[in-house]
Amino acid sequence: MPIYEYRCKACGDTFEVIQKFGDAPLRECRRCPGELEKLLSRAAFVLRGGGWYSDGYSRSKGSSDGDKKDKKDGAGDARAD
């Protein structure tokens, strides 16, 4: 479940709440009867494991298997004879 962050417009209290996607947004502050606003926060995004980086993006340019084949066959040769 996602964590949402709210701030009270009256007292300035800021807090986080775990809610389901389908839950209605909170309207009233827990400390005072003030109105709440939902804040936009940066998401925590972490890439772990082998994944996309080790499978294709970590190689230097021109080192993929397709490039090796083209060089071997002479198809990648730009010279005109």
PDB file of N, CA and C in Angstrom:
ATOM      1  N   MET A   1       0.835  -1.178   0.000  1.00  0.00           N
ATOM      2  CA  MET A   1       0.000   0.000   0.000  1.00  0.00           C
ATOM      3  C   MET A   1       0.887   1.251   0.000  1.00  0.00           C
ATOM      4  N   PRO A   2       0.470   2.264  -0.712  1.00  0.00           N
ATOM      5  CA  PRO A   2       1.276   3.486  -0.778  1.00  0.00           C
ATOM      6  C   PRO A   2       1.194   4.317   0.494  1.00  0.00           C
ATOM      7  N   ILE A   3       2.214   5.122   0.681  1.00  0.00           N
ATOM      8  CA  ILE A   3       2.262   6.055   1.812  1.00  0.00           C
ATOM      9  C   ILE A   3       1.979   7.449   1.266  1.00  0.00           C
ATOM     10  N   TYR A   4       0.967   8.107   1.831  1.00  0.00           N
ATOM     11  CA  TYR A   4       0.606   9.453   1.415  1.00  0.00           C
ATOM     12  C   TYR A   4       1.019  10.447   2.492  1.00  0.00           C
ATOM     13  N   GLU A   5       1.385  11.629   2.070  1.00  0.00           N
ATOM     14  CA  GLU A   5       1.806  12.675   2.999  1.00  0.00           C
ATOM     15  C   GLU A   5       0.778  13.805   2.954  1.00  0.00           C
ATOM     16  N   TYR A   6       0.385  14.279   4.129  1.00  0.00           N
ATOM     17  CA  TYR A   6      -0.603  15.351   4.254  1.00  0.00           C
ATOM     18  C   TYR A   6      -0.030  16.482   5.098  1.00  0.00           C
ATOM     19  N   ARG A   7      -0.550  17.703   4.838  1.00  0.00           N
ATOM     20  CA  ARG A   7      -0.184  18.867   5.652  1.00  0.00           C
ATOM     21  C   ARG A   7      -1.466  19.638   5.950  1.00  0.00           C
ATOM     22  N   CYS A   8      -1.590  20.069   7.209  1.00  0.00           N
ATOM     23  CA  CYS A   8      -2.746  20.856   7.631  1.00  0.00           C
ATOM     24  C   CYS A   8      -2.544  22.304   7.205  1.00  0.00           C
ATOM     25  N   LYS A   9      -3.550  22.888   6.599  1.00  0.00           N
ATOM     26  CA  LYS A   9      -3.472  24.292   6.163  1.00  0.00           C
ATOM     27  C   LYS A   9      -3.563  25.253   7.347  1.00  0.00           C
ATOM     28  N   ALA A  10      -4.148  24.811   8.465  1.00  0.00           N
ATOM     29  CA  ALA A  10      -4.329  25.684   9.622  1.00  0.00           C
ATOM     30  C   ALA A  10      -3.112  25.659  10.558  1.00  0.00           C
ATOM     31  N   CYS A  11      -2.703  24.472  11.024  1.00  0.00           N
ATOM     32  CA  CYS A  11      -1.635  24.394  12.026  1.00  0.00           C
ATOM     33  C   CYS A  11      -0.273  24.008  11.432  1.00  0.00           C
ATOM     34  N   GLY A  12      -0.233  23.554  10.184  1.00  0.00           N
ATOM     35  CA  GLY A  12       1.024  23.221   9.530  1.00  0.00           C
ATOM     36  C   GLY A  12       1.561  21.837   9.853  1.00  0.00           C
ATOM     37  N   ASP A  13       0.817  21.037  10.620  1.00  0.00           N
ATOM     38  CA  ASP A  13       1.245  19.676  10.952  1.00  0.00           C
ATOM     39  C   ASP A  13       1.378  18.848   9.667  1.00  0.00           C
ATOM     40  N   THR A  14       2.499  18.159   9.516  1.00  0.00           N
ATOM     41  CA  THR A  14       2.735  17.297   8.359  1.00  0.00           C
ATOM     42  C   THR A  14       2.901  15.874   8.855  1.00  0.00           C
ATOM     43  N   PHE A  15       2.210  14.914   8.201  1.00  0.00           N
ATOM     44  CA  PHE A  15       2.294  13.524   8.617  1.00  0.00           C
ATOM     45  C   PHE A  15       2.055  12.599   7.422  1.00  0.00           C
ATOM     46  N   GLU A  16       2.441  11.331   7.613  1.00  0.00           N
ATOM     47  CA  GLU A  16       2.279  10.309   6.580  1.00  0.00           C
ATOM     48  C   GLU A  16       1.215   9.311   7.012  1.00  0.00           C
ATOM     49  N   VAL A  17       0.481   8.776   6.026  1.00  0.00           N
ATOM     50  CA  VAL A  17      -0.573   7.794   6.284  1.00  0.00           C
ATOM     51  C   VAL A  17      -0.477   6.704   5.224  1.00  0.00           C
ATOM     52  N   ILE A  18      -0.568   5.448   5.656  1.00  0.00           N
ATOM     53  CA  ILE A  18      -0.626   4.330   4.710  1.00  0.00           C
ATOM     54  C   ILE A  18      -2.090   4.133   4.351  1.00  0.00           C
ATOM     55  N   GLN A  19      -2.399   4.237   3.042  1.00  0.00           N
ATOM     56  CA  GLN A  19      -3.777   4.092   2.573  1.00  0.00           C
ATOM     57  C   GLN A  19      -3.807   3.222   1.326  1.00  0.00           C
ATOM     58  N   LYS A  20      -4.946   2.602   1.108  1.00  0.00           N
ATOM     59  CA  LYS A  20      -5.163   1.863  -0.134  1.00  0.00           C
ATOM     60  C   LYS A  20      -5.408   2.859  -1.255  1.00  0.00           C
ATOM     61  N   PHE A  21      -5.200   2.425  -2.509  1.00  0.00           N
ATOM     62  CA  PHE A  21      -5.446   3.304  -3.653  1.00  0.00           C
ATOM     63  C   PHE A  21      -6.892   3.773  -3.688  1.00  0.00           C
ATOM     64  N   GLY A  22      -7.819   2.913  -3.303  1.00  0.00           N
ATOM     65  CA  GLY A  22      -9.239   3.235  -3.379  1.00  0.00           C
ATOM     66  C   GLY A  22      -9.771   4.044  -2.207  1.00  0.00           C
ATOM     67  N   ASP A  23      -8.973   4.248  -1.159  1.00  0.00           N
ATOM     68  CA  ASP A  23      -9.426   5.015   0.002  1.00  0.00           C
ATOM     69  C   ASP A  23      -9.593   6.494  -0.354  1.00  0.00           C
ATOM     70  N   ALA A  24     -10.585   7.109   0.257  1.00  0.00           N
ATOM     71  CA  ALA A  24     -10.808   8.547   0.056  1.00  0.00           C
ATOM     72  C   ALA A  24      -9.704   9.326   0.767  1.00  0.00           C
ATOM     73  N   PRO A  25      -9.282  10.456   0.199  1.00  0.00           N
ATOM     74  CA  PRO A  25      -8.256  11.268   0.862  1.00  0.00           C
ATOM     75  C   PRO A  25      -8.765  11.807   2.200  1.00  0.00           C
ATOM     76  N   LEU A  26      -7.858  11.980   3.151  1.00  0.00           N
ATOM     77  CA  LEU A  26      -8.230  12.551   4.448  1.00  0.00           C
ATOM     78  C   LEU A  26      -8.589  14.020   4.255  1.00  0.00           C
ATOM     79  N   ARG A  27      -9.546  14.492   5.051  1.00  0.00           N
ATOM     80  CA  ARG A  27     -10.025  15.874   4.913  1.00  0.00           C
ATOM     81  C   ARG A  27      -9.710  16.734   6.126  1.00  0.00           C
ATOM     82  N   GLU A  28      -9.743  16.132   7.340  1.00  0.00           N
ATOM     83  CA  GLU A  28      -9.614  16.921   8.558  1.00  0.00           C
ATOM     84  C   GLU A  28      -8.351  16.536   9.326  1.00  0.00           C
ATOM     85  N   CYS A  29      -7.666  17.543   9.847  1.00  0.00           N
ATOM     86  CA  CYS A  29      -6.433  17.362  10.606  1.00  0.00           C
ATOM     87  C   CYS A  29      -6.701  16.554  11.877  1.00  0.00           C
ATOM     88  N   ARG A  30      -5.708  15.788  12.296  1.00  0.00           N
ATOM     89  CA  ARG A  30      -5.848  14.989  13.511  1.00  0.00           C
ATOM     90  C   ARG A  30      -5.575  15.811  14.775  1.00  0.00           C
ATOM     91  N   ARG A  31      -4.955  16.993  14.640  1.00  0.00           N
ATOM     92  CA  ARG A  31      -4.640  17.849  15.796  1.00  0.00           C
ATOM     93  C   ARG A  31      -5.629  18.998  15.970  1.00  0.00           C
ATOM     94  N   CYS A  32      -6.174  19.488  14.872  1.00  0.00           N
ATOM     95  CA  CYS A  32      -7.119  20.604  14.922  1.00  0.00           C
ATOM     96  C   CYS A  32      -8.196  20.361  13.858  1.00  0.00           C
ATOM     97  N   PRO A  33      -9.227  21.167  13.805  1.00  0.00           N
ATOM     98  CA  PRO A  33     -10.267  20.959  12.789  1.00  0.00           C
ATOM     99  C   PRO A  33      -9.898  21.546  11.416  1.00  0.00           C
ATOM    100  N   GLY A  34      -8.616  21.810  11.187  1.00  0.00           N
ATOM    101  CA  GLY A  34      -8.174  22.405   9.929  1.00  0.00           C
ATOM    102  C   GLY A  34      -8.273  21.460   8.745  1.00  0.00           C
ATOM    103  N   GLU A  35      -8.263  22.050   7.552  1.00  0.00           N
ATOM    104  CA  GLU A  35      -8.355  21.291   6.297  1.00  0.00           C
ATOM    105  C   GLU A  35      -6.968  20.775   5.900  1.00  0.00           C
ATOM    106  N   LEU A  36      -6.930  19.554   5.366  1.00  0.00           N
ATOM    107  CA  LEU A  36      -5.674  18.937   4.945  1.00  0.00           C
ATOM    108  C   LEU A  36      -5.466  19.092   3.448  1.00  0.00           C
ATOM    109  N   GLU A  37      -4.205  19.137   3.047  1.00  0.00           N
ATOM    110  CA  GLU A  37      -3.861  19.068   1.629  1.00  0.00           C
ATOM    111  C   GLU A  37      -2.912  17.889   1.439  1.00  0.00           C
ATOM    112  N   LYS A  38      -3.123  17.144   0.364  1.00  0.00           N
ATOM    113  CA  LYS A  38      -2.261  16.002   0.058  1.00  0.00           C
ATOM    114  C   LYS A  38      -1.020  16.530  -0.644  1.00  0.00           C
ATOM    115  N   LEU A  39       0.149  16.108  -0.174  1.00  0.00           N
ATOM    116  CA  LEU A  39       1.405  16.571  -0.744  1.00  0.00           C
ATOM    117  C   LEU A  39       1.928  15.580  -1.777  1.00  0.00           C
ATOM    118  N   LEU A  40       2.660  16.089  -2.743  1.00  0.00           N
ATOM    119  CA  LEU A  40       3.325  15.236  -3.719  1.00  0.00           C
ATOM    120  C   LEU A  40       4.748  15.015  -3.235  1.00  0.00           C
ATOM    121  N   SER A  41       5.123  13.772  -3.103  1.00  0.00           N
ATOM    122  CA  SER A  41       6.455  13.425  -2.620  1.00  0.00           C
ATOM    123  C   SER A  41       7.204  12.641  -3.677  1.00  0.00           C
ATOM    124  N   ARG A  42       8.514  12.680  -3.591  1.00  0.00           N
ATOM    125  CA  ARG A  42       9.324  11.878  -4.504  1.00  0.00           C
ATOM    126  C   ARG A  42       9.218  10.414  -4.106  1.00  0.00           C
ATOM    127  N   ALA A  43       9.121   9.579  -5.086  1.00  0.00           N
ATOM    128  CA  ALA A  43       9.026   8.146  -4.821  1.00  0.00           C
ATOM    129  C   ALA A  43      10.417   7.563  -4.599  1.00  0.00           C
ATOM    130  N   ALA A  44      10.493   6.569  -3.752  1.00  0.00           N
ATOM    131  CA  ALA A  44      11.746   5.849  -3.554  1.00  0.00           C
ATOM    132  C   ALA A  44      11.826   4.776  -4.636  1.00  0.00           C
ATOM    133  N   PHE A  45      12.792   4.898  -5.523  1.00  0.00           N
ATOM    134  CA  PHE A  45      12.913   3.988  -6.652  1.00  0.00           C
ATOM    135  C   PHE A  45      14.335   3.452  -6.686  1.00  0.00           C
ATOM    136  N   VAL A  46      14.481   2.145  -6.506  1.00  0.00           N
ATOM    137  CA  VAL A  46      15.807   1.542  -6.450  1.00  0.00           C
ATOM    138  C   VAL A  46      15.856   0.375  -7.427  1.00  0.00           C
ATOM    139  N   LEU A  47      16.881   0.347  -8.255  1.00  0.00           N
ATOM    140  CA  LEU A  47      17.101  -0.789  -9.145  1.00  0.00           C
ATOM    141  C   LEU A  47      18.126  -1.700  -8.493  1.00  0.00           C
ATOM    142  N   ARG A  48      17.764  -2.959  -8.342  1.00  0.00           N
ATOM    143  CA  ARG A  48      18.671  -3.918  -7.715  1.00  0.00           C
ATOM    144  C   ARG A  48      18.783  -5.160  -8.569  1.00  0.00           C
ATOM    145  N   GLY A  49      19.865  -5.884  -8.393  1.00  0.00           N
ATOM    146  CA  GLY A  49      20.058  -7.136  -9.106  1.00  0.00           C
ATOM    147  C   GLY A  49      20.701  -6.910 -10.457  1.00  0.00           C
ATOM    148  N   GLY A  50      20.739  -7.967 -11.274  1.00  0.00           N
ATOM    149  CA  GLY A  50      21.360  -7.901 -12.597  1.00  0.00           C
ATOM    150  C   GLY A  50      20.620  -6.943 -13.499  1.00  0.00           C
ATOM    151  N   GLY A  51      19.363  -7.225 -13.744  1.00  0.00           N
ATOM    152  CA  GLY A  51      18.462  -6.333 -14.461  1.00  0.00           C
ATOM    153  C   GLY A  51      18.951  -5.763 -15.766  1.00  0.00           C
ATOM    154  N   TRP A  52      18.364  -4.646 -16.144  1.00  0.00           N
ATOM    155  CA  TRP A  52      18.606  -4.039 -17.444  1.00  0.00           C
ATOM    156  C   TRP A  52      20.024  -3.523 -17.599  1.00  0.00           C
ATOM    157  N   TYR A  53      20.645  -3.037 -16.546  1.00  0.00           N
ATOM    158  CA  TYR A  53      21.963  -2.413 -16.691  1.00  0.00           C
ATOM    159  C   TYR A  53      23.008  -3.432 -17.132  1.00  0.00           C
ATOM    160  N   SER A  54      23.048  -4.579 -16.485  1.00  0.00           N
ATOM    161  CA  SER A  54      24.068  -5.562 -16.828  1.00  0.00           C
ATOM    162  C   SER A  54      23.727  -6.300 -18.124  1.00  0.00           C
ATOM    163  N   ASP A  55      22.476  -6.229 -18.562  1.00  0.00           N
ATOM    164  CA  ASP A  55      22.084  -6.933 -19.779  1.00  0.00           C
ATOM    165  C   ASP A  55      22.310  -6.145 -21.057  1.00  0.00           C
ATOM    166  N   GLY A  56      22.472  -4.862 -21.017  1.00  0.00           N
ATOM    167  CA  GLY A  56      22.607  -4.154 -22.271  1.00  0.00           C
ATOM    168  C   GLY A  56      23.241  -2.794 -22.205  1.00  0.00           C
ATOM    169  N   TYR A  57      23.053  -2.086 -21.114  1.00  0.00           N
ATOM    170  CA  TYR A  57      23.504  -0.705 -21.084  1.00  0.00           C
ATOM    171  C   TYR A  57      24.908  -0.535 -20.519  1.00  0.00           C
ATOM    172  N   SER A  58      25.475  -1.594 -19.956  1.00  0.00           N
ATOM    173  CA  SER A  58      26.804  -1.440 -19.382  1.00  0.00           C
ATOM    174  C   SER A  58      27.900  -1.649 -20.421  1.00  0.00           C
ATOM    175  N   ARG A  59      27.562  -2.217 -21.563  1.00  0.00           N
ATOM    176  CA  ARG A  59      28.559  -2.436 -22.614  1.00  0.00           C
ATOM    177  C   ARG A  59      28.906  -1.129 -23.308  1.00  0.00           C
ATOM    178  N   SER A  60      30.127  -1.057 -23.756  1.00  0.00           N
ATOM    179  CA  SER A  60      30.503   0.136 -24.512  1.00  0.00           C
ATOM    180  C   SER A  60      29.884   0.073 -25.895  1.00  0.00           C
ATOM    181  N   LYS A  61      29.769   1.201 -26.541  1.00  0.00           N
ATOM    182  CA  LYS A  61      29.140   1.274 -27.849  1.00  0.00           C
ATOM    183  C   LYS A  61      29.903   0.407 -28.853  1.00  0.00           C
ATOM    184  N   GLY A  62      29.163  -0.392 -29.602  1.00  0.00           N
ATOM    185  CA  GLY A  62      29.772  -1.216 -30.640  1.00  0.00           C
ATOM    186  C   GLY A  62      30.239  -2.569 -30.148  1.00  0.00           C
ATOM    187  N   SER A  63      29.872  -2.956 -28.928  1.00  0.00           N
ATOM    188  CA  SER A  63      30.340  -4.237 -28.432  1.00  0.00           C
ATOM    189  C   SER A  63      29.238  -5.288 -28.361  1.00  0.00           C
ATOM    190  N   SER A  64      28.076  -5.030 -28.950  1.00  0.00           N
ATOM    191  CA  SER A  64      27.016  -6.021 -28.931  1.00  0.00           C
ATOM    192  C   SER A  64      27.304  -7.115 -29.952  1.00  0.00           C
ATOM    193  N   ASP A  65      26.622  -8.246 -29.835  1.00  0.00           N
ATOM    194  CA  ASP A  65      26.849  -9.377 -30.735  1.00  0.00           C
ATOM    195  C   ASP A  65      26.539  -9.024 -32.179  1.00  0.00           C
ATOM    196  N   GLY A  66      25.527  -8.200 -32.415  1.00  0.00           N
ATOM    197  CA  GLY A  66      25.164  -7.797 -33.771  1.00  0.00           C
ATOM    198  C   GLY A  66      26.277  -7.005 -34.430  1.00  0.00           C
ATOM    199  N   ASP A  67      26.944  -6.148 -33.663  1.00  0.00           N
ATOM    200  CA  ASP A  67      28.049  -5.359 -34.205  1.00  0.00           C
ATOM    201  C   ASP A  67      29.231  -6.243 -34.560  1.00  0.00           C
ATOM    202  N   LYS A  68      29.502  -7.264 -33.743  1.00  0.00           N
ATOM    203  CA  LYS A  68      30.611  -8.172 -34.012  1.00  0.00           C
ATOM    204  C   LYS A  68      30.370  -8.926 -35.311  1.00  0.00           C
ATOM    205  N   LYS A  69      29.114  -9.330 -35.513  1.00  0.00           N
ATOM    206  CA  LYS A  69      28.778 -10.074 -36.723  1.00  0.00           C
ATOM    207  C   LYS A  69      28.958  -9.192 -37.958  1.00  0.00           C
ATOM    208  N   ASP A  70      28.482  -7.930 -37.873  1.00  0.00           N
ATOM    209  CA  ASP A  70      28.616  -7.010 -39.003  1.00  0.00           C
ATOM    210  C   ASP A  70      30.075  -6.766 -39.349  1.00  0.00           C
ATOM    211  N   LYS A  71      30.934  -6.609 -38.358  1.00  0.00           N
ATOM    212  CA  LYS A  71      32.349  -6.355 -38.599  1.00  0.00           C
ATOM    213  C   LYS A  71      33.021  -7.573 -39.219  1.00  0.00           C
ATOM    214  N   LYS A  72      32.606  -8.746 -38.765  1.00  0.00           N
ATOM    215  CA  LYS A  72      33.187  -9.986 -39.277  1.00  0.00           C
ATOM    216  C   LYS A  72      32.829 -10.179 -40.744  1.00  0.00           C
ATOM    217  N   ASP A  73      31.571  -9.898 -41.111  1.00  0.00           N
ATOM    218  CA  ASP A  73      31.107 -10.083 -42.487  1.00  0.00           C
ATOM    219  C   ASP A  73      31.525  -8.938 -43.401  1.00  0.00           C
ATOM    220  N   GLY A  74      31.977  -7.836 -42.827  1.00  0.00           N
ATOM    221  CA  GLY A  74      32.339  -6.681 -43.630  1.00  0.00           C
ATOM    222  C   GLY A  74      31.150  -5.805 -43.950  1.00  0.00           C
ATOM    223  N   ALA A  75      29.962  -6.131 -43.385  1.00  0.00           N
ATOM    224  CA  ALA A  75      28.760  -5.344 -43.660  1.00  0.00           C
ATOM    225  C   ALA A  75      28.837  -3.970 -43.024  1.00  0.00           C
ATOM    226  N   GLY A  76      29.594  -3.832 -41.947  1.00  0.00           N
ATOM    227  CA  GLY A  76      29.704  -2.557 -41.266  1.00  0.00           C
ATOM    228  C   GLY A  76      30.780  -1.672 -41.870  1.00  0.00           C
ATOM    229  N   ASP A  77      31.441  -2.101 -42.905  1.00  0.00           N
ATOM    230  CA  ASP A  77      32.520  -1.366 -43.536  1.00  0.00           C
ATOM    231  C   ASP A  77      31.961  -0.225 -44.366  1.00  0.00           C
ATOM    232  N   ALA A  78      32.382   0.997 -44.103  1.00  0.00           N
ATOM    233  CA  ALA A  78      31.845   2.167 -44.809  1.00  0.00           C
ATOM    234  C   ALA A  78      32.702   2.550 -46.007  1.00  0.00           C
ATOM    235  N   ARG A  79      33.825   1.857 -46.243  1.00  0.00           N
ATOM    236  CA  ARG A  79      34.723   2.213 -47.342  1.00  0.00           C
ATOM    237  C   ARG A  79      34.145   1.769 -48.695  1.00  0.00           C
ATOM    238  N   ALA A  80      34.316   2.562 -49.664  1.00  0.00           N
ATOM    239  CA  ALA A  80      33.913   2.182 -51.030  1.00  0.00           C
ATOM    240  C   ALA A  80      35.166   1.755 -51.790  1.00  0.00           C
ATOM    241  N   ASP A  81      35.124   0.564 -52.394  1.00  0.00           N
ATOM    242  CA  ASP A  81      36.283   0.063 -53.131  1.00  0.00           C
ATOM    243  C   ASP A  81      36.262   0.472 -54.578  1.00  0.00           C
TER     244      ASP A  81
END
